Amino acid sequence: MPPDPTPRFLHDGAAGHRLQAQALARALDPAAKELALATRAPWSWFAPRRLPGAEAAFGEEFRRLLDAPPGWVVGCGRRPALATRLLRARGSKVVQLLHPRLDPSHWDLVVAPEHDGLRGPNVITLCGSLHAVDDAWLADGRAAFPAFASLPSPRTVVLLGGPTAAVRFDRGAFEVMSAKLEHWLAVGGGSLLVVGSRRTPAQLAALSRSYWADTPGLRWFDASDGPNPYAGALGWADRIVVSPDSVNMVSEACATAAPVYVAEPGRATGRIKRYLDDVLARGRIQPLGKLPHDAACEPLRETPRVAALVRDAIF
């Protein structure tokens, strides 16, 4: 079969992996096609290490892709790193996102966060994560949720995650955060848009609804609350408060022009701590304090810069 020139982005179904692969691939070529991989054992256990028969690891659609390899591919995650290795062996140019836990020389390029600590001649590093947040994305968010314009200012957006192995964001942390937000509201008024994530515990969602029941705004935690307002909330935000457990949420908040406050960044450990320390040193985020110190900020957007470096390196 002749090669298929249409580029692809590959992921393992994890939302964070999908969004990062899509963001870079579509920045390089808006026509890039998506392929979600369902990895089979035993190859999934050892990926991205290559065991005999690895060509059968990802099902029939991927096998067809091997027979007609695209010109270039972006993959994100440990299991897709095996798929990009296999496609490179068939002639595709490949870009692997995140630390693959193997020598980067197995790929044409590896794009990894600075806080992963990976370095090498074919490694591109960035602050935070890749995403699609830019002026057009924010404008689309505002257009999709025009009612947010009528909410009282300042509109405070709260991006709420949940506990992880690296960050103990539990009820106690939520109580500390909510007390500071209550003080902000008492002093300055305004509205509150609280947007949860897949990791937000039901207890924290319930507390968010009860604590701010009389505050104008919105509380969203799943599809039962209506369409996901994430893009609209970021688009209309006057300020953004983020729990300290998600590099993706902090990165996307920092891509707006709104000031970003992180609730108790000192709770973070490991790689997330290194990332938060970096953006604190850059002055792009502030610890959540007793009173806000709002000022317009320069958006921190790494996707266009990384896409330009990738384009120069392999196209």
Protein backbone atom coordinates (compact mmCIF):
# COMPACT_ATOMS: atom_id res chain seq x y z
CA MET A 1 0.00 0.00 0.00
CA PRO A 2 1.23 3.54 -0.68
CA PRO A 3 1.98 5.66 2.39
CA ASP A 4 -0.92 7.66 3.80
CA PRO A 5 0.28 11.28 4.02
CA THR A 6 -2.38 12.29 6.57
CA PRO A 7 -0.67 12.84 9.94
CA ARG A 8 -1.99 11.15 13.08
CA PHE A 9 -2.03 11.76 16.81
CA LEU A 10 -2.15 8.73 19.08
CA HIS A 11 -3.20 8.39 22.70
CA ASP A 12 -4.37 5.75 25.17
CA GLY A 13 -7.74 7.30 26.03
CA ALA A 14 -6.52 9.29 29.04
CA ALA A 15 -7.99 12.79 28.73
CA GLY A 16 -4.72 14.55 29.52
CA HIS A 17 -2.81 12.49 26.96
CA ARG A 18 -5.44 13.02 24.27
CA LEU A 19 -5.57 16.78 24.75
CA GLN A 20 -1.80 17.20 24.63
CA ALA A 21 -1.34 15.04 21.54
CA GLN A 22 -4.22 16.79 19.80
CA ALA A 23 -2.96 20.26 20.72
CA LEU A 24 0.48 19.72 19.19
CA ALA A 25 -0.70 17.76 16.16
CA ARG A 26 -3.41 20.29 15.26
CA ALA A 27 -0.95 23.17 15.78
CA LEU A 28 1.25 21.47 13.17
CA ASP A 29 -1.60 20.50 10.82
CA PRO A 30 -5.31 21.09 11.54
CA ALA A 31 -6.12 18.04 9.38
CA ALA A 32 -4.29 15.59 11.67
CA LYS A 33 -6.43 12.55 12.45
CA GLU A 34 -6.96 10.93 15.85
CA LEU A 35 -6.37 7.30 16.79
CA ALA A 36 -7.21 6.08 20.29
CA LEU A 37 -5.23 2.94 21.07
CA ALA A 38 -6.55 -0.02 23.04
CA THR A 39 -3.39 -1.83 24.07
CA ARG A 40 -3.39 -5.60 24.58
CA ALA A 41 -1.36 -7.60 27.06
CA PRO A 42 1.44 -8.57 27.34
CA TRP A 43 2.69 -5.61 25.29
CA SER A 44 0.78 -3.11 27.44
CA TRP A 45 2.66 -4.31 30.51
CA PHE A 46 6.08 -3.51 29.12
CA ALA A 47 5.44 -0.57 26.75
CA PRO A 48 7.30 1.26 25.39
CA ARG A 49 9.71 -1.67 25.45
CA ARG A 50 9.33 -3.73 22.32
CA LEU A 51 8.48 -7.41 22.74
CA PRO A 52 8.16 -9.93 19.90
CA GLY A 53 4.86 -9.54 18.05
CA ALA A 54 4.38 -5.94 19.20
CA GLU A 55 2.74 -5.10 15.86
CA ALA A 56 -0.36 -6.88 17.20
CA ALA A 57 -0.49 -4.78 20.38
CA PHE A 58 -2.97 -2.16 19.20
CA GLY A 59 -5.56 -3.90 17.07
CA GLU A 60 -6.47 -4.00 13.40
CA GLU A 61 -6.74 -0.25 12.75
CA PHE A 62 -3.20 0.30 13.95
CA ARG A 63 -1.96 -2.69 11.98
CA ARG A 64 -3.41 -1.09 8.84
CA LEU A 65 -1.60 2.12 9.76
CA LEU A 66 1.67 0.20 9.91
CA ASP A 67 1.04 -1.05 6.39
CA ALA A 68 0.45 2.52 5.16
CA PRO A 69 2.44 4.69 7.58
CA PRO A 70 1.66 8.41 7.73
CA GLY A 71 4.32 11.03 7.09
CA TRP A 72 4.43 11.99 10.77
CA VAL A 73 2.82 11.03 14.05
CA VAL A 74 2.47 12.56 17.51
CA GLY A 75 1.96 10.19 20.46
CA CYS A 76 1.40 10.87 24.14
CA GLY A 77 1.75 8.43 27.00
CA ARG A 78 3.75 5.30 27.80
CA ARG A 79 1.71 2.83 25.71
CA PRO A 80 1.45 5.09 22.65
CA ALA A 81 5.24 5.44 22.88
CA LEU A 82 5.44 1.82 21.73
CA ALA A 83 3.15 2.61 18.80
CA THR A 84 5.25 5.58 17.74
CA ARG A 85 8.38 3.40 17.93
CA LEU A 86 6.77 0.88 15.59
CA LEU A 87 5.68 3.57 13.14
CA ARG A 88 9.15 5.09 13.12
CA ALA A 89 10.54 1.71 12.10
CA ARG A 90 8.14 1.83 9.12
CA GLY A 91 9.32 5.29 8.05
CA SER A 92 7.09 7.79 9.86
CA LYS A 93 8.61 10.81 11.55
CA VAL A 94 7.51 10.56 15.19
CA VAL A 95 7.20 12.97 18.09
CA GLN A 96 6.66 11.46 21.53
CA LEU A 97 5.17 13.56 24.32
CA LEU A 98 6.09 13.11 28.00
CA HIS A 99 9.02 11.18 29.40
CA PRO A 100 8.94 7.76 27.64
CA ARG A 101 11.09 6.06 30.33
CA LEU A 102 13.49 4.89 27.64
CA ASP A 103 16.39 6.50 25.79
CA PRO A 104 14.92 9.38 23.70
CA SER A 105 16.92 8.17 20.69
CA HIS A 106 14.12 5.65 20.00
CA TRP A 107 12.06 8.60 18.68
CA ASP A 108 12.80 11.46 16.28
CA LEU A 109 11.81 13.99 18.93
CA VAL A 110 10.66 13.81 22.53
CA VAL A 111 8.73 16.73 24.02
CA ALA A 112 8.77 16.65 27.82
CA PRO A 113 7.95 19.07 30.64
CA GLU A 114 10.94 20.73 32.25
CA HIS A 115 9.86 19.27 35.60
CA ASP A 116 10.36 15.73 34.22
CA GLY A 117 14.11 16.36 34.17
CA LEU A 118 14.66 14.73 30.75
CA ARG A 119 17.36 16.25 28.57
CA GLY A 120 19.01 15.20 25.31
CA PRO A 121 19.92 16.36 21.80
CA ASN A 122 16.46 15.43 20.45
CA VAL A 123 14.48 16.56 23.53
CA ILE A 124 12.35 19.71 23.55
CA THR A 125 11.32 20.91 27.00
CA LEU A 126 8.44 23.15 27.99
CA CYS A 127 6.98 24.77 31.08
CA GLY A 128 3.84 22.85 32.01
CA SER A 129 1.74 21.01 29.45
CA LEU A 130 0.61 21.39 25.86
CA HIS A 131 -2.95 22.56 25.26
CA ALA A 132 -5.18 24.45 22.83
CA VAL A 133 -5.85 27.56 24.92
CA ASP A 134 -5.24 30.69 22.84
CA ASP A 135 -7.17 33.84 21.95
CA ALA A 136 -9.43 32.04 19.46
CA TRP A 137 -10.17 29.20 21.90
CA LEU A 138 -11.07 31.69 24.63
CA ALA A 139 -13.27 33.68 22.24
CA ASP A 140 -15.11 30.50 21.29
CA GLY A 141 -15.61 29.79 25.00
CA ARG A 142 -17.11 33.24 25.57
CA ALA A 143 -19.39 32.83 22.56
CA ALA A 144 -20.60 29.43 23.84
CA PHE A 145 -21.46 30.82 27.30
CA PRO A 146 -22.61 34.44 26.74
CA ALA A 147 -24.66 34.46 29.97
CA PHE A 148 -21.42 34.55 32.00
CA ALA A 149 -20.95 38.15 30.82
CA SER A 150 -23.83 39.29 33.05
CA LEU A 151 -22.43 37.73 36.23
CA PRO A 152 -21.23 40.24 38.84
CA SER A 153 -17.56 41.17 38.60
CA PRO A 154 -15.04 40.14 39.57
CA ARG A 155 -15.79 36.72 38.13
CA THR A 156 -13.64 34.27 40.10
CA VAL A 157 -13.19 30.91 38.41
CA VAL A 158 -12.21 27.96 40.63
CA LEU A 159 -10.71 24.93 38.90
CA LEU A 160 -11.10 22.12 41.40
CA GLY A 161 -9.22 18.83 41.13
CA GLY A 162 -8.74 16.29 43.88
CA PRO A 163 -6.20 14.28 45.86
CA THR A 164 -3.36 12.48 44.08
CA ALA A 165 -0.31 10.52 45.15
CA ALA A 166 1.72 13.72 44.85
CA VAL A 167 -0.75 16.23 46.32
CA ARG A 168 -2.92 15.77 49.40
CA PHE A 169 -5.82 17.99 48.36
CA ASP A 170 -8.44 16.71 50.80
CA ARG A 171 -11.29 18.22 52.78
CA GLY A 172 -8.90 20.10 55.03
CA ALA A 173 -7.24 21.73 52.00
CA PHE A 174 -10.66 22.55 50.58
CA GLU A 175 -11.70 24.20 53.85
CA VAL A 176 -8.59 26.40 53.84
CA MET A 177 -9.22 27.41 50.23
CA SER A 178 -12.92 28.08 50.77
CA ALA A 179 -12.28 30.28 53.83
CA LYS A 180 -10.01 32.53 51.76
CA LEU A 181 -12.54 32.68 48.94
CA GLU A 182 -15.30 33.56 51.41
CA HIS A 183 -13.15 36.48 52.59
CA TRP A 184 -12.61 37.62 49.00
CA LEU A 185 -16.35 37.55 48.36
CA ALA A 186 -17.12 39.39 51.60
CA VAL A 187 -14.62 42.16 50.81
CA GLY A 188 -15.01 42.51 47.04
CA GLY A 189 -18.25 40.81 46.04
CA GLY A 190 -18.49 39.31 42.59
CA SER A 191 -19.42 35.84 41.40
CA LEU A 192 -17.95 32.35 41.59
CA LEU A 193 -17.73 29.75 38.83
CA VAL A 194 -16.55 26.42 40.27
CA VAL A 195 -15.60 23.79 37.70
CA GLY A 196 -14.67 20.31 38.89
CA SER A 197 -12.68 17.56 37.21
CA ARG A 198 -12.96 13.79 36.90
CA ARG A 199 -10.89 13.50 40.09
CA THR A 200 -13.00 15.80 42.26
CA PRO A 201 -14.42 13.71 45.12
CA ALA A 202 -18.18 13.78 45.60
CA GLN A 203 -17.65 15.23 49.08
CA LEU A 204 -15.84 18.29 47.71
CA ALA A 205 -18.50 18.75 45.03
CA ALA A 206 -21.23 18.70 47.67
CA LEU A 207 -19.34 21.16 49.86
CA SER A 208 -18.89 23.50 46.88
CA ARG A 209 -22.63 23.51 46.27
CA SER A 210 -23.55 24.12 49.92
CA TYR A 211 -20.85 26.64 50.87
CA TRP A 212 -21.63 29.02 48.03
CA ALA A 213 -25.31 28.29 47.51
CA ASP A 214 -26.17 32.00 47.68
CA THR A 215 -23.23 33.25 45.61
CA PRO A 216 -24.00 34.15 41.96
CA GLY A 217 -22.31 31.95 39.42
CA LEU A 218 -22.17 28.28 38.59
CA ARG A 219 -21.10 24.93 40.08
CA TRP A 220 -20.27 22.23 37.55
CA PHE A 221 -18.98 18.72 38.28
CA ASP A 222 -20.37 16.40 35.61
CA ALA A 223 -22.81 16.20 32.73
CA SER A 224 -25.78 16.23 35.12
CA ASP A 225 -24.94 19.93 35.68
CA GLY A 226 -25.29 20.70 31.96
CA PRO A 227 -22.70 21.32 29.23
CA ASN A 228 -19.11 21.55 30.40
CA PRO A 229 -18.47 25.30 30.93
CA TYR A 230 -14.66 25.02 31.22
CA ALA A 231 -13.82 27.05 28.11
CA GLY A 232 -16.47 29.64 28.87
CA ALA A 233 -15.29 30.01 32.46
CA LEU A 234 -11.69 30.58 31.38
CA GLY A 235 -12.84 32.96 28.66
CA TRP A 236 -14.83 35.17 31.04
CA ALA A 237 -12.55 34.89 34.10
CA ASP A 238 -11.35 38.02 35.88
CA ARG A 239 -9.20 35.82 38.13
CA ILE A 240 -8.61 32.07 38.40
CA VAL A 241 -8.02 29.92 41.47
CA VAL A 242 -6.63 26.40 40.90
CA SER A 243 -6.12 23.49 43.27
CA PRO A 244 -2.44 22.43 43.32
CA ASP A 245 -2.84 18.91 41.95
CA SER A 246 -2.99 19.37 38.16
CA VAL A 247 -0.24 20.60 35.84
CA ASN A 248 -2.77 20.68 33.00
CA MET A 249 -5.27 22.91 34.82
CA VAL A 250 -2.59 25.33 36.00
CA SER A 251 -1.07 25.45 32.49
CA GLU A 252 -4.42 26.19 30.87
CA ALA A 253 -5.25 28.85 33.46
CA CYS A 254 -1.86 30.49 32.85
CA ALA A 255 -2.63 30.67 29.12
CA THR A 256 -5.27 33.33 29.82
CA ALA A 257 -4.54 36.95 30.70
CA ALA A 258 -6.19 36.54 34.13
CA PRO A 259 -4.16 36.41 37.34
CA VAL A 260 -3.83 32.83 38.60
CA TYR A 261 -3.80 31.83 42.26
CA VAL A 262 -2.86 28.32 43.40
CA ALA A 263 -4.30 27.04 46.67
CA GLU A 264 -1.47 25.99 48.98
CA PRO A 265 1.16 25.12 46.35
CA GLY A 266 3.34 23.83 49.19
CA ARG A 267 1.09 20.77 49.39
CA ALA A 268 2.55 19.51 46.11
CA THR A 269 5.45 17.08 46.03
CA GLY A 270 7.68 15.60 43.34
CA ARG A 271 7.34 16.71 39.74
CA ILE A 272 4.24 18.85 40.37
CA LYS A 273 6.13 20.75 43.08
CA ARG A 274 8.98 21.40 40.65
CA TYR A 275 6.50 22.74 38.10
CA LEU A 276 4.70 25.00 40.57
CA ASP A 277 8.04 26.30 41.89
CA ASP A 278 8.96 27.20 38.31
CA VAL A 279 5.79 29.17 37.52
CA LEU A 280 5.94 30.85 40.93
CA ALA A 281 9.50 31.97 40.14
CA ARG A 282 8.33 33.26 36.77
CA GLY A 283 5.70 35.33 38.56
CA ARG A 284 2.85 33.81 36.54
CA ILE A 285 1.05 32.33 39.55
CA GLN A 286 0.59 33.46 43.14
CA PRO A 287 -0.24 31.48 46.26
CA LEU A 288 -3.87 31.94 47.23
CA GLY A 289 -3.81 34.59 49.96
CA LYS A 290 -6.13 36.53 52.21
CA LEU A 291 -6.76 39.13 49.52
CA PRO A 292 -6.22 38.99 45.76
CA HIS A 293 -3.57 41.07 44.02
CA ASP A 294 -5.11 41.29 40.58
CA ALA A 295 -3.24 42.62 37.57
CA ALA A 296 -3.36 41.75 33.89
CA CYS A 297 -0.84 39.03 33.07
CA GLU A 298 1.06 37.97 30.00
CA PRO A 299 -0.40 34.61 28.90
CA LEU A 300 2.04 31.70 29.17
CA ARG A 301 1.47 29.64 26.01
CA GLU A 302 4.01 26.97 25.15
CA THR A 303 2.18 25.10 22.37
CA PRO A 304 3.03 27.56 19.53
CA ARG A 305 6.68 27.71 20.57
CA VAL A 306 6.98 23.92 20.78
CA ALA A 307 5.16 23.47 17.45
CA ALA A 308 7.62 25.84 15.75
CA LEU A 309 10.59 23.91 17.16
CA VAL A 310 9.10 20.59 16.04
CA ARG A 311 8.39 21.96 12.57
CA ASP A 312 11.96 23.21 12.20
CA ALA A 313 13.42 19.91 13.43
CA ILE A 314 11.56 17.31 11.39
CA PHE A 315 9.71 18.94 8.48
